[in-house]
Amino acid sequence: MKHIVLGYDMTEADELRMQLYMIGNGNRSPFCLIPTMSILFYPSLWPEMIYHFKLGKAGHPITSLRLSACRHLPLSEIRAVYGRPDIKVT
């Protein structure tokens, strides 16, 4: 569900981007922290690390989103609240 709402693809690189977003968004679970260790194998993504982390900090906390609570809502409404924010990161 997170991939759909946040707009991250199911590739290894986008999974890492999403995990960095989730850490910035307040998720500190081992299931989120452990995959970020793979950043060592993706030096081309290093410049993006802070960007996706900051996107997560700016976003509405998605850890509280439950499929059962939102399955009747249009995806556009869910993304309007929980989707990646449009921010400029400096």
PDB file of N, CA and C in Angstrom:
ATOM      1  N   MET A   1       0.819  -1.183   0.000  1.00  0.00           N
ATOM      2  CA  MET A   1       0.000   0.000   0.000  1.00  0.00           C
ATOM      3  C   MET A   1       0.869   1.255   0.000  1.00  0.00           C
ATOM      4  N   LYS A   2       1.979   1.215   0.725  1.00  0.00           N
ATOM      5  CA  LYS A   2       2.854   2.391   0.791  1.00  0.00           C
ATOM      6  C   LYS A   2       3.392   2.752  -0.586  1.00  0.00           C
ATOM      7  N   HIS A   3       3.765   1.737  -1.360  1.00  0.00           N
ATOM      8  CA  HIS A   3       4.286   2.000  -2.702  1.00  0.00           C
ATOM      9  C   HIS A   3       3.244   2.738  -3.549  1.00  0.00           C
ATOM     10  N   ILE A   4       2.008   2.322  -3.453  1.00  0.00           N
ATOM     11  CA  ILE A   4       0.944   2.931  -4.257  1.00  0.00           C
ATOM     12  C   ILE A   4       0.659   4.357  -3.798  1.00  0.00           C
ATOM     13  N   VAL A   5       0.525   4.541  -2.516  1.00  0.00           N
ATOM     14  CA  VAL A   5       0.197   5.872  -1.982  1.00  0.00           C
ATOM     15  C   VAL A   5       1.343   6.854  -2.186  1.00  0.00           C
ATOM     16  N   LEU A   6       2.572   6.406  -1.941  1.00  0.00           N
ATOM     17  CA  LEU A   6       3.724   7.310  -2.042  1.00  0.00           C
ATOM     18  C   LEU A   6       4.284   7.423  -3.457  1.00  0.00           C
ATOM     19  N   GLY A   7       3.911   6.509  -4.333  1.00  0.00           N
ATOM     20  CA  GLY A   7       4.353   6.594  -5.721  1.00  0.00           C
ATOM     21  C   GLY A   7       5.743   6.049  -5.978  1.00  0.00           C
ATOM     22  N   TYR A   8       6.231   5.174  -5.103  1.00  0.00           N
ATOM     23  CA  TYR A   8       7.530   4.540  -5.329  1.00  0.00           C
ATOM     24  C   TYR A   8       7.323   3.243  -6.099  1.00  0.00           C
ATOM     25  N   ASP A   9       8.230   2.959  -7.052  1.00  0.00           N
ATOM     26  CA  ASP A   9       8.170   1.718  -7.820  1.00  0.00           C
ATOM     27  C   ASP A   9       8.633   0.545  -6.962  1.00  0.00           C
ATOM     28  N   MET A  10       8.525  -0.645  -7.511  1.00  0.00           N
ATOM     29  CA  MET A  10       8.909  -1.864  -6.801  1.00  0.00           C
ATOM     30  C   MET A  10      10.337  -2.291  -7.146  1.00  0.00           C
ATOM     31  N   THR A  11      11.182  -1.356  -7.515  1.00  0.00           N
ATOM     32  CA  THR A  11      12.579  -1.669  -7.798  1.00  0.00           C
ATOM     33  C   THR A  11      13.378  -1.602  -6.493  1.00  0.00           C
ATOM     34  N   GLU A  12      14.575  -2.172  -6.506  1.00  0.00           N
ATOM     35  CA  GLU A  12      15.419  -2.128  -5.307  1.00  0.00           C
ATOM     36  C   GLU A  12      15.746  -0.683  -4.942  1.00  0.00           C
ATOM     37  N   ALA A  13      16.064   0.131  -5.930  1.00  0.00           N
ATOM     38  CA  ALA A  13      16.429   1.525  -5.669  1.00  0.00           C
ATOM     39  C   ALA A  13      15.245   2.300  -5.089  1.00  0.00           C
ATOM     40  N   ASP A  14      14.062   2.107  -5.642  1.00  0.00           N
ATOM     41  CA  ASP A  14      12.897   2.818  -5.115  1.00  0.00           C
ATOM     42  C   ASP A  14      12.475   2.284  -3.746  1.00  0.00           C
ATOM     43  N   GLU A  15      12.702   1.009  -3.494  1.00  0.00           N
ATOM     44  CA  GLU A  15      12.433   0.470  -2.153  1.00  0.00           C
ATOM     45  C   GLU A  15      13.319   1.179  -1.130  1.00  0.00           C
ATOM     46  N   LEU A  16      14.573   1.385  -1.485  1.00  0.00           N
ATOM     47  CA  LEU A  16      15.487   2.096  -0.597  1.00  0.00           C
ATOM     48  C   LEU A  16      15.041   3.545  -0.409  1.00  0.00           C
ATOM     49  N   ARG A  17      14.660   4.207  -1.484  1.00  0.00           N
ATOM     50  CA  ARG A  17      14.152   5.580  -1.379  1.00  0.00           C
ATOM     51  C   ARG A  17      12.938   5.635  -0.454  1.00  0.00           C
ATOM     52  N   MET A  18      12.041   4.663  -0.606  1.00  0.00           N
ATOM     53  CA  MET A  18      10.849   4.648   0.229  1.00  0.00           C
ATOM     54  C   MET A  18      11.197   4.395   1.693  1.00  0.00           C
ATOM     55  N   GLN A  19      12.163   3.530   1.952  1.00  0.00           N
ATOM     56  CA  GLN A  19      12.566   3.281   3.343  1.00  0.00           C
ATOM     57  C   GLN A  19      13.169   4.538   3.965  1.00  0.00           C
ATOM     58  N   LEU A  20      13.937   5.291   3.187  1.00  0.00           N
ATOM     59  CA  LEU A  20      14.488   6.555   3.692  1.00  0.00           C
ATOM     60  C   LEU A  20      13.368   7.551   3.962  1.00  0.00           C
ATOM     61  N   TYR A  21      12.362   7.572   3.094  1.00  0.00           N
ATOM     62  CA  TYR A  21      11.184   8.401   3.310  1.00  0.00           C
ATOM     63  C   TYR A  21      10.506   7.989   4.614  1.00  0.00           C
ATOM     64  N   MET A  22      10.320   6.687   4.806  1.00  0.00           N
ATOM     65  CA  MET A  22       9.631   6.188   5.990  1.00  0.00           C
ATOM     66  C   MET A  22      10.391   6.505   7.271  1.00  0.00           C
ATOM     67  N   ILE A  23      11.714   6.435   7.227  1.00  0.00           N
ATOM     68  CA  ILE A  23      12.506   6.803   8.405  1.00  0.00           C
ATOM     69  C   ILE A  23      12.303   8.281   8.716  1.00  0.00           C
ATOM     70  N   GLY A  24      12.354   9.124   7.707  1.00  0.00           N
ATOM     71  CA  GLY A  24      12.088  10.545   7.902  1.00  0.00           C
ATOM     72  C   GLY A  24      10.691  10.803   8.410  1.00  0.00           C
ATOM     73  N   ASN A  25       9.762   9.922   8.047  1.00  0.00           N
ATOM     74  CA  ASN A  25       8.356  10.051   8.423  1.00  0.00           C
ATOM     75  C   ASN A  25       8.081   9.519   9.832  1.00  0.00           C
ATOM     76  N   GLY A  26       9.106   8.978  10.484  1.00  0.00           N
ATOM     77  CA  GLY A  26       8.961   8.544  11.868  1.00  0.00           C
ATOM     78  C   GLY A  26       8.950   7.052  12.091  1.00  0.00           C
ATOM     79  N   ASN A  27       9.080   6.255  11.047  1.00  0.00           N
ATOM     80  CA  ASN A  27       9.089   4.801  11.202  1.00  0.00           C
ATOM     81  C   ASN A  27      10.481   4.363  11.632  1.00  0.00           C
ATOM     82  N   ARG A  28      10.583   3.780  12.801  1.00  0.00           N
ATOM     83  CA  ARG A  28      11.877   3.319  13.315  1.00  0.00           C
ATOM     84  C   ARG A  28      11.888   1.806  13.540  1.00  0.00           C
ATOM     85  N   SER A  29      11.040   1.085  12.822  1.00  0.00           N
ATOM     86  CA  SER A  29      10.975  -0.367  12.998  1.00  0.00           C
ATOM     87  C   SER A  29      12.176  -1.028  12.321  1.00  0.00           C
ATOM     88  N   PRO A  30      12.559  -2.219  12.792  1.00  0.00           N
ATOM     89  CA  PRO A  30      13.660  -2.942  12.145  1.00  0.00           C
ATOM     90  C   PRO A  30      13.371  -3.227  10.668  1.00  0.00           C
ATOM     91  N   PHE A  31      12.092  -3.426  10.321  1.00  0.00           N
ATOM     92  CA  PHE A  31      11.736  -3.707   8.928  1.00  0.00           C
ATOM     93  C   PHE A  31      11.996  -2.499   8.034  1.00  0.00           C
ATOM     94  N   CYS A  32      12.115  -1.344   8.627  1.00  0.00           N
ATOM     95  CA  CYS A  32      12.407  -0.131   7.869  1.00  0.00           C
ATOM     96  C   CYS A  32      13.905   0.182   7.927  1.00  0.00           C
ATOM     97  N   LEU A  33      14.504   0.005   9.085  1.00  0.00           N
ATOM     98  CA  LEU A  33      15.905   0.376   9.271  1.00  0.00           C
ATOM     99  C   LEU A  33      16.877  -0.596   8.608  1.00  0.00           C
ATOM    100  N   ILE A  34      16.628  -1.875   8.706  1.00  0.00           N
ATOM    101  CA  ILE A  34      17.564  -2.872   8.177  1.00  0.00           C
ATOM    102  C   ILE A  34      17.767  -2.759   6.665  1.00  0.00           C
ATOM    103  N   PRO A  35      16.700  -2.608   5.850  1.00  0.00           N
ATOM    104  CA  PRO A  35      16.929  -2.494   4.405  1.00  0.00           C
ATOM    105  C   PRO A  35      17.776  -1.278   4.003  1.00  0.00           C
ATOM    106  N   THR A  36      17.802  -0.252   4.837  1.00  0.00           N
ATOM    107  CA  THR A  36      18.594   0.921   4.466  1.00  0.00           C
ATOM    108  C   THR A  36      20.092   0.637   4.486  1.00  0.00           C
ATOM    109  N   MET A  37      20.495  -0.471   5.073  1.00  0.00           N
ATOM    110  CA  MET A  37      21.909  -0.847   5.046  1.00  0.00           C
ATOM    111  C   MET A  37      22.377  -1.096   3.610  1.00  0.00           C
ATOM    112  N   SER A  38      21.444  -1.394   2.714  1.00  0.00           N
ATOM    113  CA  SER A  38      21.809  -1.644   1.316  1.00  0.00           C
ATOM    114  C   SER A  38      22.269  -0.370   0.610  1.00  0.00           C
ATOM    115  N   ILE A  39      22.130   0.782   1.255  1.00  0.00           N
ATOM    116  CA  ILE A  39      22.592   2.043   0.653  1.00  0.00           C
ATOM    117  C   ILE A  39      24.081   1.963   0.317  1.00  0.00           C
ATOM    118  N   LEU A  40      24.813   1.139   1.037  1.00  0.00           N
ATOM    119  CA  LEU A  40      26.246   0.974   0.768  1.00  0.00           C
ATOM    120  C   LEU A  40      26.496   0.433  -0.640  1.00  0.00           C
ATOM    121  N   PHE A  41      25.538  -0.299  -1.168  1.00  0.00           N
ATOM    122  CA  PHE A  41      25.688  -0.908  -2.488  1.00  0.00           C
ATOM    123  C   PHE A  41      25.156  -0.030  -3.617  1.00  0.00           C
ATOM    124  N   TYR A  42      24.647   1.138  -3.263  1.00  0.00           N
ATOM    125  CA  TYR A  42      24.084   2.062  -4.249  1.00  0.00           C
ATOM    126  C   TYR A  42      24.683   3.460  -4.092  1.00  0.00           C
ATOM    127  N   PRO A  43      25.975   3.609  -4.331  1.00  0.00           N
ATOM    128  CA  PRO A  43      26.577   4.940  -4.156  1.00  0.00           C
ATOM    129  C   PRO A  43      25.958   6.009  -5.048  1.00  0.00           C
ATOM    130  N   SER A  44      25.354   5.585  -6.160  1.00  0.00           N
ATOM    131  CA  SER A  44      24.705   6.578  -7.028  1.00  0.00           C
ATOM    132  C   SER A  44      23.488   7.207  -6.357  1.00  0.00           C
ATOM    133  N   LEU A  45      22.938   6.561  -5.336  1.00  0.00           N
ATOM    134  CA  LEU A  45      21.778   7.096  -4.621  1.00  0.00           C
ATOM    135  C   LEU A  45      22.149   7.962  -3.426  1.00  0.00           C
ATOM    136  N   TRP A  46      23.413   7.989  -3.055  1.00  0.00           N
ATOM    137  CA  TRP A  46      23.825   8.741  -1.869  1.00  0.00           C
ATOM    138  C   TRP A  46      23.359  10.195  -1.895  1.00  0.00           C
ATOM    139  N   PRO A  47      23.462  10.890  -3.028  1.00  0.00           N
ATOM    140  CA  PRO A  47      22.984  12.285  -3.023  1.00  0.00           C
ATOM    141  C   PRO A  47      21.482  12.409  -2.762  1.00  0.00           C
ATOM    142  N   GLU A  48      20.713  11.367  -3.034  1.00  0.00           N
ATOM    143  CA  GLU A  48      19.267  11.406  -2.837  1.00  0.00           C
ATOM    144  C   GLU A  48      18.832  11.060  -1.411  1.00  0.00           C
ATOM    145  N   MET A  49      19.726  10.515  -0.600  1.00  0.00           N
ATOM    146  CA  MET A  49      19.355  10.039   0.730  1.00  0.00           C
ATOM    147  C   MET A  49      18.659  11.119   1.551  1.00  0.00           C
ATOM    148  N   ILE A  50      19.277  12.251   1.667  1.00  0.00           N
ATOM    149  CA  ILE A  50      18.735  13.337   2.484  1.00  0.00           C
ATOM    150  C   ILE A  50      17.426  13.847   1.891  1.00  0.00           C
ATOM    151  N   TYR A  51      17.346  13.914   0.571  1.00  0.00           N
ATOM    152  CA  TYR A  51      16.136  14.388  -0.089  1.00  0.00           C
ATOM    153  C   TYR A  51      14.920  13.555   0.314  1.00  0.00           C
ATOM    154  N   HIS A  52      15.014  12.238   0.198  1.00  0.00           N
ATOM    155  CA  HIS A  52      13.877  11.374   0.517  1.00  0.00           C
ATOM    156  C   HIS A  52      13.597  11.354   2.017  1.00  0.00           C
ATOM    157  N   PHE A  53      14.644  11.461   2.821  1.00  0.00           N
ATOM    158  CA  PHE A  53      14.461  11.575   4.274  1.00  0.00           C
ATOM    159  C   PHE A  53      13.680  12.853   4.598  1.00  0.00           C
ATOM    160  N   LYS A  54      14.054  13.965   3.985  1.00  0.00           N
ATOM    161  CA  LYS A  54      13.364  15.239   4.236  1.00  0.00           C
ATOM    162  C   LYS A  54      11.933  15.230   3.700  1.00  0.00           C
ATOM    163  N   LEU A  55      11.715  14.558   2.575  1.00  0.00           N
ATOM    164  CA  LEU A  55      10.345  14.397   2.086  1.00  0.00           C
ATOM    165  C   LEU A  55       9.492  13.698   3.138  1.00  0.00           C
ATOM    166  N   GLY A  56      10.061  12.659   3.736  1.00  0.00           N
ATOM    167  CA  GLY A  56       9.349  11.933   4.782  1.00  0.00           C
ATOM    168  C   GLY A  56       9.051  12.800   5.983  1.00  0.00           C
ATOM    169  N   LYS A  57      10.010  13.632   6.375  1.00  0.00           N
ATOM    170  CA  LYS A  57       9.798  14.532   7.515  1.00  0.00           C
ATOM    171  C   LYS A  57       8.677  15.524   7.226  1.00  0.00           C
ATOM    172  N   ALA A  58       8.568  15.941   5.982  1.00  0.00           N
ATOM    173  CA  ALA A  58       7.555  16.936   5.609  1.00  0.00           C
ATOM    174  C   ALA A  58       6.175  16.308   5.387  1.00  0.00           C
ATOM    175  N   GLY A  59       6.138  15.000   5.187  1.00  0.00           N
ATOM    176  CA  GLY A  59       4.871  14.334   4.880  1.00  0.00           C
ATOM    177  C   GLY A  59       4.032  14.026   6.107  1.00  0.00           C
ATOM    178  N   HIS A  60       2.761  13.820   5.867  1.00  0.00           N
ATOM    179  CA  HIS A  60       1.820  13.409   6.918  1.00  0.00           C
ATOM    180  C   HIS A  60       2.215  12.000   7.362  1.00  0.00           C
ATOM    181  N   PRO A  61       2.230  11.707   8.663  1.00  0.00           N
ATOM    182  CA  PRO A  61       2.642  10.371   9.131  1.00  0.00           C
ATOM    183  C   PRO A  61       1.819   9.241   8.507  1.00  0.00           C
ATOM    184  N   ILE A  62       2.470   8.444   7.693  1.00  0.00           N
ATOM    185  CA  ILE A  62       1.775   7.373   6.986  1.00  0.00           C
ATOM    186  C   ILE A  62       1.688   6.102   7.820  1.00  0.00           C
ATOM    187  N   THR A  63       2.435   6.018   8.911  1.00  0.00           N
ATOM    188  CA  THR A  63       2.381   4.814   9.741  1.00  0.00           C
ATOM    189  C   THR A  63       1.006   4.609  10.352  1.00  0.00           C
ATOM    190  N   SER A  64       0.223   5.671  10.451  1.00  0.00           N
ATOM    191  CA  SER A  64      -1.118   5.541  11.016  1.00  0.00           C
ATOM    192  C   SER A  64      -2.152   5.128   9.964  1.00  0.00           C
ATOM    193  N   LEU A  65      -1.764   5.091   8.699  1.00  0.00           N
ATOM    194  CA  LEU A  65      -2.687   4.732   7.619  1.00  0.00           C
ATOM    195  C   LEU A  65      -2.954   3.227   7.631  1.00  0.00           C
ATOM    196  N   ARG A  66      -4.212   2.855   7.658  1.00  0.00           N
ATOM    197  CA  ARG A  66      -4.616   1.454   7.650  1.00  0.00           C
ATOM    198  C   ARG A  66      -5.522   1.198   6.451  1.00  0.00           C
ATOM    199  N   LEU A  67      -5.269   0.105   5.766  1.00  0.00           N
ATOM    200  CA  LEU A  67      -6.045  -0.249   4.584  1.00  0.00           C
ATOM    201  C   LEU A  67      -7.531  -0.354   4.920  1.00  0.00           C
ATOM    202  N   SER A  68      -7.850  -0.942   6.040  1.00  0.00           N
ATOM    203  CA  SER A  68      -9.257  -1.120   6.412  1.00  0.00           C
ATOM    204  C   SER A  68      -9.974   0.217   6.602  1.00  0.00           C
ATOM    205  N   ALA A  69      -9.238   1.235   7.005  1.00  0.00           N
ATOM    206  CA  ALA A  69      -9.853   2.538   7.255  1.00  0.00           C
ATOM    207  C   ALA A  69     -10.000   3.377   5.990  1.00  0.00           C
ATOM    208  N   CYS A  70      -9.269   3.034   4.943  1.00  0.00           N
ATOM    209  CA  CYS A  70      -9.293   3.891   3.757  1.00  0.00           C
ATOM    210  C   CYS A  70      -9.708   3.178   2.479  1.00  0.00           C
ATOM    211  N   ARG A  71     -10.064   1.933   2.557  1.00  0.00           N
ATOM    212  CA  ARG A  71     -10.367   1.182   1.328  1.00  0.00           C
ATOM    213  C   ARG A  71     -11.585   1.709   0.579  1.00  0.00           C
ATOM    214  N   HIS A  72     -12.431   2.458   1.246  1.00  0.00           N
ATOM    215  CA  HIS A  72     -13.614   3.014   0.595  1.00  0.00           C
ATOM    216  C   HIS A  72     -13.349   4.396  -0.017  1.00  0.00           C
ATOM    217  N   LEU A  73     -12.157   4.948   0.228  1.00  0.00           N
ATOM    218  CA  LEU A  73     -11.812   6.286  -0.272  1.00  0.00           C
ATOM    219  C   LEU A  73     -11.145   6.201  -1.642  1.00  0.00           C
ATOM    220  N   PRO A  74     -11.353   7.204  -2.487  1.00  0.00           N
ATOM    221  CA  PRO A  74     -10.618   7.245  -3.760  1.00  0.00           C
ATOM    222  C   PRO A  74      -9.122   7.428  -3.499  1.00  0.00           C
ATOM    223  N   LEU A  75      -8.312   6.804  -4.334  1.00  0.00           N
ATOM    224  CA  LEU A  75      -6.862   6.905  -4.181  1.00  0.00           C
ATOM    225  C   LEU A  75      -6.402   8.363  -4.214  1.00  0.00           C
ATOM    226  N   SER A  76      -7.041   9.183  -5.008  1.00  0.00           N
ATOM    227  CA  SER A  76      -6.650  10.596  -5.101  1.00  0.00           C
ATOM    228  C   SER A  76      -6.799  11.297  -3.748  1.00  0.00           C
ATOM    229  N   GLU A  77      -7.824  10.941  -2.978  1.00  0.00           N
ATOM    230  CA  GLU A  77      -7.999  11.546  -1.654  1.00  0.00           C
ATOM    231  C   GLU A  77      -6.932  11.063  -0.673  1.00  0.00           C
ATOM    232  N   ILE A  78      -6.601   9.795  -0.746  1.00  0.00           N
ATOM    233  CA  ILE A  78      -5.575   9.242   0.139  1.00  0.00           C
ATOM    234  C   ILE A  78      -4.223   9.878  -0.174  1.00  0.00           C
ATOM    235  N   ARG A  79      -3.911   9.984  -1.477  1.00  0.00           N
ATOM    236  CA  ARG A  79      -2.640  10.608  -1.872  1.00  0.00           C
ATOM    237  C   ARG A  79      -2.593  12.087  -1.507  1.00  0.00           C
ATOM    238  N   ALA A  80      -3.741  12.758  -1.525  1.00  0.00           N
ATOM    239  CA  ALA A  80      -3.768  14.177  -1.162  1.00  0.00           C
ATOM    240  C   ALA A  80      -3.335  14.378   0.286  1.00  0.00           C
ATOM    241  N   VAL A  81      -3.641  13.416   1.134  1.00  0.00           N
ATOM    242  CA  VAL A  81      -3.270  13.527   2.551  1.00  0.00           C
ATOM    243  C   VAL A  81      -1.913  12.886   2.820  1.00  0.00           C
ATOM    244  N   TYR A  82      -1.709  11.663   2.339  1.00  0.00           N
ATOM    245  CA  TYR A  82      -0.532  10.884   2.716  1.00  0.00           C
ATOM    246  C   TYR A  82       0.560  10.819   1.651  1.00  0.00           C
ATOM    247  N   GLY A  83       0.293  11.283   0.453  1.00  0.00           N
ATOM    248  CA  GLY A  83       1.270  11.186  -0.628  1.00  0.00           C
ATOM    249  C   GLY A  83       2.507  12.028  -0.373  1.00  0.00           C
ATOM    250  N   ARG A  84       3.521  11.797  -1.195  1.00  0.00           N
ATOM    251  CA  ARG A  84       4.765  12.570  -1.048  1.00  0.00           C
ATOM    252  C   ARG A  84       4.476  14.047  -1.245  1.00  0.00           C
ATOM    253  N   PRO A  85       4.943  14.864  -0.337  1.00  0.00           N
ATOM    254  CA  PRO A  85       4.717  16.318  -0.477  1.00  0.00           C
ATOM    255  C   PRO A  85       5.577  16.902  -1.589  1.00  0.00           C
ATOM    256  N   ASP A  86       5.081  17.964  -2.170  1.00  0.00           N
ATOM    257  CA  ASP A  86       5.867  18.696  -3.158  1.00  0.00           C
ATOM    258  C   ASP A  86       6.624  19.782  -2.407  1.00  0.00           C
ATOM    259  N   ILE A  87       7.882  19.514  -2.120  1.00  0.00           N
ATOM    260  CA  ILE A  87       8.704  20.493  -1.413  1.00  0.00           C
ATOM    261  C   ILE A  87      10.028  20.643  -2.128  1.00  0.00           C
ATOM    262  N   LYS A  88      10.641  21.761  -1.903  1.00  0.00           N
ATOM    263  CA  LYS A  88      11.996  21.987  -2.384  1.00  0.00           C
ATOM    264  C   LYS A  88      12.923  21.765  -1.203  1.00  0.00           C
ATOM    265  N   VAL A  89      13.863  20.884  -1.381  1.00  0.00           N
ATOM    266  CA  VAL A  89      14.813  20.566  -0.317  1.00  0.00           C
ATOM    267  C   VAL A  89      16.136  21.238  -0.655  1.00  0.00           C
ATOM    268  N   THR A  90      16.607  22.036   0.278  1.00  0.00           N
ATOM    269  CA  THR A  90      17.883  22.742   0.030  1.00  0.00           C
ATOM    270  C   THR A  90      18.998  22.136   0.828  1.00  0.00           C
TER     271      THR A  90
END
